[in-house]
Amino acid sequence: MSDSNNNTGCENQGDSDPKDSLQMHRGYDFESGMLSRARQWHDLLPWLQLVRSLRVCASPPLLMMVALAMVLQSLAARLSIAVRLPPPVLYGGTGAERSSNADPIPVAWAKHWLESLQSESLLMMFVQVIVTLLIWIPVVLILLRQGAVLMAGRDLESLESCLRLSWTRTWMAWVIAWVPTVCVIVLLAMLVLPLAYLSSASAPWLGTWSGVVQWPIGCVIALVGIACGVLAAGHMIASPLGWAAVVSEPDPDPLDSLSRGYEYLYRRPVHLFFYAMVSWFLCGIAYLLASAVAGSATRLLQAVGEFAGVTSAMGASNEILIFFPMVVLIALGWSIVGGVYLLLRRDAGSQDIEDIWFPPAKKRTPLPRLPETAASDDRSGSGL
């Protein structure tokens, strides 16, 4: 009996598949999980793609566009100062123009714009802000678009396509720029009216109940002030991010784009701070290189001018070269904002960085066909 059991056990053991008892190491699977899309370094560290924004610094059309916008704004600022100031103040009473107009171009550009805003007339300040937005919004949209395209791993888009996109979506950027300001003004106006009533003589009961009413009114004022602070503080960051959304999404809505900017600011502040550090580092490198280029060019041209005996024309060229690093810095800074928007969109909504909208390509109309008679004549002529 025991022999039969032993034989049966041996038969069962012999029938078992040796592959089941033998475990082979088939290697590591790098095509699943977190490493499923890890092909390059920027797949693991996507912010490395911001380095591609430096290509904007080597684009002459983009740099010339920024330089033209700065010149136009400087002229507008000088004009607003000339309109506001009487001739004795503008020329110092001696026929000589004021010294601020003789500053180097970058200094004069910033100084004249700030001086134009320091106006006693609220209307003049409003006009200056309108002129600034009118000059810069199309340029900024183009730079944001190029930065987003570079962040997505593509080449620079054609300037014609960017101009067309900027022209069709400029009105959205205007809405994004003014909605937070209007909301803050409305909220503050809601406080002004009741406070004016309470401070007037038409509220004699306030003297009796001042201790009871003071704290509830203070709470309401504080809540409205916090709402205004959230809108005003986030406006400087949310609006550029909203502009980047306008040029990156297929069917953008201005209010939705603005809400994205506020969402990315207040939901991902740590990510935004880190990307800002990387951006400042890249801008610092670009500014140092541009300053070195401008300094070398200035010294070389100065040597050539001294050798040729022509020094009068060197002053204008030196101011233009001093102007160059600021042009590079502005172009690079706005293009980096377009890339940072895609990074924040990925962090907040898990949307791929490469998922960026491109306008449909123009359909090329085919050449017209020749009539049958012309085609037959052509064939007969070729046969001869």
Protein backbone atom coordinates (compact mmCIF):
# COMPACT_ATOMS: atom_id res chain seq x y z
CA MET A 1 0.00 0.00 0.00
CA SER A 2 2.81 2.35 0.89
CA ASP A 3 4.62 1.45 -2.33
CA SER A 4 1.62 2.49 -4.40
CA ASN A 5 1.40 5.81 -2.57
CA ASN A 6 5.07 6.43 -3.16
CA ASN A 7 4.70 5.64 -6.83
CA THR A 8 1.72 7.98 -7.14
CA GLY A 9 3.64 10.79 -5.44
CA CYS A 10 6.56 10.29 -7.78
CA GLU A 11 4.27 10.38 -10.79
CA ASN A 12 2.63 13.62 -9.61
CA GLN A 13 6.00 15.14 -8.93
CA GLY A 14 7.20 14.16 -12.36
CA ASP A 15 4.13 15.62 -14.06
CA SER A 16 4.69 19.08 -12.50
CA ASP A 17 6.06 21.78 -14.82
CA PRO A 18 9.67 22.68 -14.00
CA LYS A 19 8.94 26.32 -15.02
CA ASP A 20 6.61 26.66 -12.02
CA SER A 21 9.33 25.82 -9.55
CA LEU A 22 12.04 27.86 -11.34
CA GLN A 23 11.78 31.69 -11.08
CA MET A 24 13.89 33.63 -13.54
CA HIS A 25 14.81 37.32 -13.24
CA ARG A 26 13.55 39.01 -16.38
CA GLY A 27 15.16 42.39 -15.66
CA TYR A 28 13.72 45.70 -14.51
CA ASP A 29 10.71 47.20 -16.23
CA PHE A 30 11.36 50.86 -16.91
CA GLU A 31 8.33 51.26 -19.16
CA SER A 32 5.69 51.42 -16.42
CA GLY A 33 4.81 53.62 -13.50
CA MET A 34 6.62 56.88 -12.90
CA LEU A 35 9.31 56.11 -15.50
CA SER A 36 6.90 55.28 -18.33
CA ARG A 37 7.68 58.58 -20.10
CA ALA A 38 11.19 59.23 -18.80
CA ARG A 39 13.18 59.62 -21.99
CA GLN A 40 15.08 62.83 -21.25
CA TRP A 41 16.02 64.85 -18.20
CA HIS A 42 13.22 67.36 -18.66
CA ASP A 43 10.69 64.51 -18.42
CA LEU A 44 11.67 64.19 -14.76
CA LEU A 45 12.55 67.86 -14.20
CA PRO A 46 10.24 69.80 -16.55
CA TRP A 47 11.46 73.20 -15.39
CA LEU A 48 14.70 72.50 -17.27
CA GLN A 49 12.76 73.36 -20.41
CA LEU A 50 12.82 77.01 -19.31
CA VAL A 51 16.39 77.12 -20.59
CA ARG A 52 14.95 76.95 -24.11
CA SER A 53 13.50 80.43 -23.56
CA LEU A 54 17.02 81.82 -24.00
CA ARG A 55 16.52 81.36 -27.73
CA VAL A 56 14.39 84.49 -27.65
CA CYS A 57 17.53 86.49 -26.86
CA ALA A 58 18.98 85.47 -30.24
CA SER A 59 15.91 86.46 -32.27
CA PRO A 60 16.50 89.85 -33.96
CA PRO A 61 12.81 90.40 -34.89
CA LEU A 62 11.66 89.91 -31.29
CA LEU A 63 14.41 92.14 -29.89
CA MET A 64 13.67 94.86 -32.42
CA MET A 65 9.98 94.65 -31.56
CA VAL A 66 10.71 95.13 -27.85
CA ALA A 67 13.10 98.01 -28.60
CA LEU A 68 10.45 99.72 -30.72
CA ALA A 69 7.88 99.39 -27.94
CA MET A 70 10.31 100.90 -25.42
CA VAL A 71 11.06 103.81 -27.73
CA LEU A 72 7.36 104.48 -28.28
CA GLN A 73 6.66 104.42 -24.56
CA SER A 74 9.59 106.73 -23.88
CA LEU A 75 8.29 109.19 -26.47
CA ALA A 76 4.79 109.00 -24.99
CA ALA A 77 6.18 109.64 -21.50
CA ARG A 78 8.21 112.62 -22.71
CA LEU A 79 5.16 114.00 -24.47
CA SER A 80 3.01 113.70 -21.37
CA ILE A 81 5.68 115.48 -19.30
CA ALA A 82 5.96 118.23 -21.92
CA VAL A 83 2.19 118.71 -21.91
CA ARG A 84 2.00 118.98 -18.12
CA LEU A 85 5.04 121.17 -17.42
CA PRO A 86 5.29 124.84 -18.43
CA PRO A 87 8.28 125.92 -20.57
CA PRO A 88 10.32 127.45 -17.67
CA VAL A 89 10.16 124.15 -15.79
CA LEU A 90 10.73 121.97 -18.83
CA TYR A 91 13.74 123.95 -20.05
CA GLY A 92 14.95 125.38 -16.73
CA GLY A 93 14.30 128.94 -17.90
CA THR A 94 17.53 128.98 -19.92
CA GLY A 95 16.45 127.40 -23.18
CA ALA A 96 18.23 124.17 -22.26
CA GLU A 97 16.17 121.05 -21.95
CA ARG A 98 15.84 119.51 -18.50
CA SER A 99 18.68 117.18 -17.48
CA SER A 100 16.43 114.10 -17.22
CA ASN A 101 15.98 114.18 -20.97
CA ALA A 102 19.76 113.85 -21.35
CA ASP A 103 19.94 110.64 -19.33
CA PRO A 104 20.91 107.37 -21.03
CA ILE A 105 18.01 105.76 -22.81
CA PRO A 106 17.24 102.98 -20.26
CA VAL A 107 17.33 105.46 -17.35
CA ALA A 108 15.30 108.03 -19.24
CA TRP A 109 12.78 105.40 -20.30
CA ALA A 110 12.01 104.38 -16.71
CA LYS A 111 12.33 107.90 -15.29
CA HIS A 112 10.01 109.53 -17.81
CA TRP A 113 7.38 106.84 -17.38
CA LEU A 114 7.43 107.24 -13.58
CA GLU A 115 7.41 111.03 -13.83
CA SER A 116 4.44 110.88 -16.17
CA LEU A 117 2.53 108.85 -13.57
CA GLN A 118 3.35 111.38 -10.83
CA SER A 119 0.63 113.70 -11.97
CA GLU A 120 -1.84 115.70 -9.94
CA SER A 121 -4.46 114.93 -12.56
CA LEU A 122 -6.06 111.51 -12.25
CA LEU A 123 -7.06 111.73 -15.90
CA MET A 124 -3.43 112.12 -17.00
CA MET A 125 -2.41 109.05 -15.00
CA PHE A 126 -5.26 107.08 -16.53
CA VAL A 127 -4.25 108.15 -20.04
CA GLN A 128 -0.63 107.16 -19.40
CA VAL A 129 -1.68 103.68 -18.22
CA ILE A 130 -3.91 103.28 -21.28
CA VAL A 131 -1.06 104.28 -23.61
CA THR A 132 1.31 101.86 -21.87
CA LEU A 133 -1.11 98.96 -22.26
CA LEU A 134 -1.85 99.96 -25.84
CA ILE A 135 1.85 99.79 -26.72
CA TRP A 136 2.86 96.73 -24.75
CA ILE A 137 -0.05 94.26 -24.81
CA PRO A 138 0.50 93.08 -28.44
CA VAL A 139 4.25 92.76 -27.84
CA VAL A 140 3.76 90.87 -24.58
CA LEU A 141 1.29 88.45 -26.16
CA ILE A 142 3.81 87.61 -28.89
CA LEU A 143 6.58 87.01 -26.34
CA LEU A 144 4.30 84.86 -24.17
CA ARG A 145 3.35 82.80 -27.19
CA GLN A 146 6.96 82.22 -28.19
CA GLY A 147 7.90 81.27 -24.64
CA ALA A 148 5.05 78.77 -24.40
CA VAL A 149 5.97 77.25 -27.77
CA LEU A 150 9.59 76.83 -26.70
CA MET A 151 8.50 75.33 -23.38
CA ALA A 152 6.41 72.77 -25.27
CA GLY A 153 9.53 71.60 -27.11
CA ARG A 154 8.76 73.27 -30.44
CA ASP A 155 10.72 75.76 -32.48
CA LEU A 156 9.99 79.46 -32.57
CA GLU A 157 6.73 80.19 -34.32
CA SER A 158 6.67 82.45 -37.35
CA LEU A 159 6.26 86.12 -36.57
CA GLU A 160 3.36 86.38 -38.99
CA SER A 161 1.39 83.72 -37.12
CA CYS A 162 2.15 85.36 -33.77
CA LEU A 163 1.06 88.77 -35.04
CA ARG A 164 -2.20 87.33 -36.30
CA LEU A 165 -2.84 85.57 -32.99
CA SER A 166 -1.97 88.68 -30.99
CA TRP A 167 -4.27 90.83 -33.12
CA THR A 168 -7.27 88.53 -32.69
CA ARG A 169 -6.86 88.07 -28.92
CA THR A 170 -5.74 91.50 -27.80
CA TRP A 171 -9.21 92.41 -26.58
CA MET A 172 -9.12 89.46 -24.17
CA ALA A 173 -5.90 90.77 -22.68
CA TRP A 174 -7.55 94.16 -22.15
CA VAL A 175 -10.44 92.51 -20.30
CA ILE A 176 -8.01 90.59 -18.10
CA ALA A 177 -6.06 93.76 -17.35
CA TRP A 178 -9.08 95.78 -16.21
CA VAL A 179 -11.44 93.31 -14.52
CA PRO A 180 -9.52 93.12 -11.19
CA THR A 181 -9.20 96.92 -11.08
CA VAL A 182 -12.91 97.40 -11.69
CA CYS A 183 -13.78 94.80 -9.04
CA VAL A 184 -11.58 96.55 -6.46
CA ILE A 185 -13.14 99.92 -7.29
CA VAL A 186 -16.66 98.50 -6.93
CA LEU A 187 -15.86 96.90 -3.57
CA LEU A 188 -14.31 100.10 -2.25
CA ALA A 189 -17.31 102.09 -3.48
CA MET A 190 -19.57 99.75 -1.52
CA LEU A 191 -17.67 100.82 1.60
CA VAL A 192 -17.54 104.52 0.84
CA LEU A 193 -21.30 105.06 0.72
CA PRO A 194 -22.25 103.53 4.11
CA LEU A 195 -19.19 105.04 5.80
CA ALA A 196 -20.07 108.46 4.44
CA TYR A 197 -23.60 108.05 5.81
CA LEU A 198 -22.37 106.96 9.23
CA SER A 199 -19.93 109.85 9.45
CA SER A 200 -22.57 112.43 8.53
CA ALA A 201 -24.91 114.24 10.87
CA SER A 202 -27.85 112.21 9.54
CA ALA A 203 -26.97 109.34 11.88
CA PRO A 204 -27.45 110.79 15.40
CA TRP A 205 -28.16 107.35 16.83
CA LEU A 206 -24.55 106.34 16.18
CA GLY A 207 -23.33 108.29 19.19
CA THR A 208 -25.48 106.20 21.52
CA TRP A 209 -24.71 102.85 19.92
CA SER A 210 -21.14 103.51 18.82
CA GLY A 211 -19.64 100.83 21.06
CA VAL A 212 -22.08 98.19 19.83
CA VAL A 213 -21.92 99.05 16.13
CA GLN A 214 -18.18 99.61 15.91
CA TRP A 215 -17.06 95.97 15.90
CA PRO A 216 -19.61 94.59 13.38
CA ILE A 217 -18.84 97.45 11.01
CA GLY A 218 -15.13 96.87 11.53
CA CYS A 219 -15.53 93.16 10.67
CA VAL A 220 -17.37 94.00 7.46
CA ILE A 221 -14.74 96.55 6.47
CA ALA A 222 -11.95 94.07 7.21
CA LEU A 223 -13.59 91.34 5.10
CA VAL A 224 -14.06 93.68 2.16
CA GLY A 225 -10.48 94.90 2.59
CA ILE A 226 -9.17 91.32 2.51
CA ALA A 227 -11.10 90.67 -0.72
CA CYS A 228 -9.65 93.84 -2.24
CA GLY A 229 -6.18 92.82 -1.09
CA VAL A 230 -6.50 89.38 -2.66
CA LEU A 231 -7.54 90.90 -5.97
CA ALA A 232 -4.98 93.71 -5.93
CA ALA A 233 -2.02 91.64 -4.74
CA GLY A 234 -2.71 88.83 -7.18
CA HIS A 235 -3.38 91.18 -10.08
CA MET A 236 0.34 91.68 -10.81
CA ILE A 237 0.89 87.92 -11.24
CA ALA A 238 -2.53 86.59 -12.23
CA SER A 239 -2.91 88.95 -15.19
CA PRO A 240 0.35 87.89 -16.94
CA LEU A 241 -0.58 84.24 -16.36
CA GLY A 242 -4.02 84.97 -17.78
CA TRP A 243 -2.42 86.54 -20.86
CA ALA A 244 -0.33 83.40 -21.26
CA ALA A 245 -3.51 81.31 -21.09
CA VAL A 246 -5.07 83.48 -23.80
CA VAL A 247 -2.29 82.66 -26.29
CA SER A 248 -1.92 78.98 -25.29
CA GLU A 249 -5.46 77.61 -25.13
CA PRO A 250 -7.65 76.78 -28.15
CA ASP A 251 -10.85 78.60 -27.10
CA PRO A 252 -9.84 80.97 -24.29
CA ASP A 253 -12.28 82.97 -22.23
CA PRO A 254 -10.88 86.12 -20.58
CA LEU A 255 -12.54 85.53 -17.22
CA ASP A 256 -11.57 81.86 -17.20
CA SER A 257 -7.99 82.77 -18.08
CA LEU A 258 -7.90 85.33 -15.26
CA SER A 259 -9.30 82.80 -12.80
CA ARG A 260 -6.56 80.39 -13.86
CA GLY A 261 -3.97 82.99 -12.99
CA TYR A 262 -5.41 83.53 -9.51
CA GLU A 263 -5.78 79.77 -9.03
CA TYR A 264 -2.18 79.02 -9.93
CA LEU A 265 -0.97 81.86 -7.70
CA TYR A 266 -2.86 80.92 -4.54
CA ARG A 267 -2.96 77.14 -5.00
CA ARG A 268 0.65 76.63 -6.04
CA PRO A 269 2.64 79.41 -4.33
CA VAL A 270 5.63 77.17 -3.57
CA HIS A 271 5.86 75.98 -7.18
CA LEU A 272 5.54 79.56 -8.38
CA PHE A 273 8.29 80.74 -6.03
CA PHE A 274 10.63 78.00 -7.24
CA TYR A 275 9.96 78.79 -10.90
CA ALA A 276 10.52 82.47 -10.13
CA MET A 277 13.94 81.64 -8.68
CA VAL A 278 14.87 79.68 -11.81
CA SER A 279 13.58 82.51 -14.00
CA TRP A 280 15.58 85.15 -12.14
CA PHE A 281 18.69 83.01 -12.48
CA LEU A 282 18.22 82.71 -16.25
CA CYS A 283 17.45 86.42 -16.60
CA GLY A 284 20.58 87.25 -14.60
CA ILE A 285 22.74 85.14 -16.90
CA ALA A 286 21.18 86.71 -19.99
CA TYR A 287 21.60 90.22 -18.60
CA LEU A 288 25.27 89.62 -17.79
CA LEU A 289 25.93 88.25 -21.28
CA ALA A 290 24.05 91.12 -22.93
CA SER A 291 25.94 93.65 -20.80
CA ALA A 292 29.24 92.04 -21.76
CA VAL A 293 28.30 92.19 -25.45
CA ALA A 294 27.21 95.82 -25.17
CA GLY A 295 30.35 96.78 -23.23
CA SER A 296 32.67 95.11 -25.73
CA ALA A 297 30.86 96.71 -28.66
CA THR A 298 31.05 100.13 -26.97
CA ARG A 299 34.81 99.89 -26.45
CA LEU A 300 35.43 98.66 -29.98
CA LEU A 301 33.31 101.40 -31.54
CA GLN A 302 34.96 103.99 -29.32
CA ALA A 303 38.38 102.86 -30.50
CA VAL A 304 37.26 102.99 -34.12
CA GLY A 305 35.77 106.46 -33.62
CA GLU A 306 38.96 107.79 -32.04
CA PHE A 307 41.03 106.29 -34.85
CA ALA A 308 38.77 107.83 -37.50
CA GLY A 309 38.51 111.13 -35.66
CA VAL A 310 34.70 110.96 -35.45
CA THR A 311 33.49 111.14 -31.85
CA SER A 312 30.18 112.97 -32.23
CA ALA A 313 28.34 109.94 -33.62
CA MET A 314 29.70 107.66 -30.90
CA GLY A 315 27.43 109.18 -28.24
CA ALA A 316 24.25 108.01 -29.94
CA SER A 317 25.65 104.56 -30.59
CA ASN A 318 26.72 104.23 -26.95
CA GLU A 319 23.22 105.04 -25.73
CA ILE A 320 21.76 102.47 -28.11
CA LEU A 321 24.18 99.84 -26.85
CA ILE A 322 23.33 100.68 -23.23
CA PHE A 323 19.74 100.15 -24.28
CA PHE A 324 20.51 96.59 -25.45
CA PRO A 325 20.68 94.65 -22.11
CA MET A 326 17.29 95.97 -21.01
CA VAL A 327 15.76 94.90 -24.32
CA VAL A 328 17.13 91.39 -23.86
CA LEU A 329 15.92 91.26 -20.25
CA ILE A 330 12.36 92.30 -21.11
CA ALA A 331 12.11 89.90 -24.05
CA LEU A 332 13.42 86.96 -22.02
CA GLY A 333 11.37 87.76 -18.93
CA TRP A 334 8.03 87.77 -20.73
CA SER A 335 8.85 84.65 -22.73
CA ILE A 336 9.70 82.81 -19.50
CA VAL A 337 6.28 83.74 -18.12
CA GLY A 338 4.72 81.79 -21.01
CA GLY A 339 6.73 78.72 -20.03
CA VAL A 340 5.95 79.13 -16.32
CA TYR A 341 2.25 79.14 -17.16
CA LEU A 342 2.53 75.68 -18.75
CA LEU A 343 4.45 74.42 -15.71
CA LEU A 344 1.82 75.71 -13.29
CA ARG A 345 -0.95 74.29 -15.45
CA ARG A 346 0.75 70.91 -15.23
CA ASP A 347 1.14 71.16 -11.46
CA ALA A 348 -2.45 72.25 -10.85
CA GLY A 349 -4.33 70.19 -13.43
CA SER A 350 -1.93 67.41 -14.52
CA GLN A 351 -2.11 68.60 -18.12
CA ASP A 352 0.88 67.83 -20.29
CA ILE A 353 3.25 70.67 -21.06
CA GLU A 354 3.29 69.66 -24.72
CA ASP A 355 -0.48 70.16 -24.90
CA ILE A 356 -0.52 73.60 -26.48
CA TRP A 357 -2.84 74.91 -29.15
CA PHE A 358 -1.58 75.76 -32.63
CA PRO A 359 -3.65 77.62 -35.21
CA PRO A 360 -4.73 75.53 -38.18
CA ALA A 361 -2.44 75.73 -41.16
CA LYS A 362 -3.59 77.61 -44.20
CA LYS A 363 -4.94 75.43 -46.95
CA ARG A 364 -3.04 75.90 -50.17
CA THR A 365 -5.34 76.32 -53.11
CA PRO A 366 -4.38 73.96 -55.93
CA LEU A 367 -3.36 75.34 -59.28
CA PRO A 368 -6.18 75.56 -61.83
CA ARG A 369 -6.34 72.86 -64.42
CA LEU A 370 -5.66 73.65 -68.05
CA PRO A 371 -8.55 73.40 -70.48
CA GLU A 372 -8.71 70.27 -72.60
CA THR A 373 -7.82 72.16 -75.77
CA ALA A 374 -4.73 73.70 -74.20
CA ALA A 375 -3.69 70.33 -72.78
CA SER A 376 -4.09 68.62 -76.19
CA ASP A 377 -2.11 71.39 -77.90
CA ASP A 378 0.61 71.00 -75.30
CA ARG A 379 0.82 67.27 -75.88
CA SER A 380 0.90 67.68 -79.64
CA GLY A 381 3.61 70.32 -79.38
CA SER A 382 5.73 68.12 -77.18
CA GLY A 383 5.33 65.28 -79.67
CA LEU A 384 6.70 67.46 -82.44
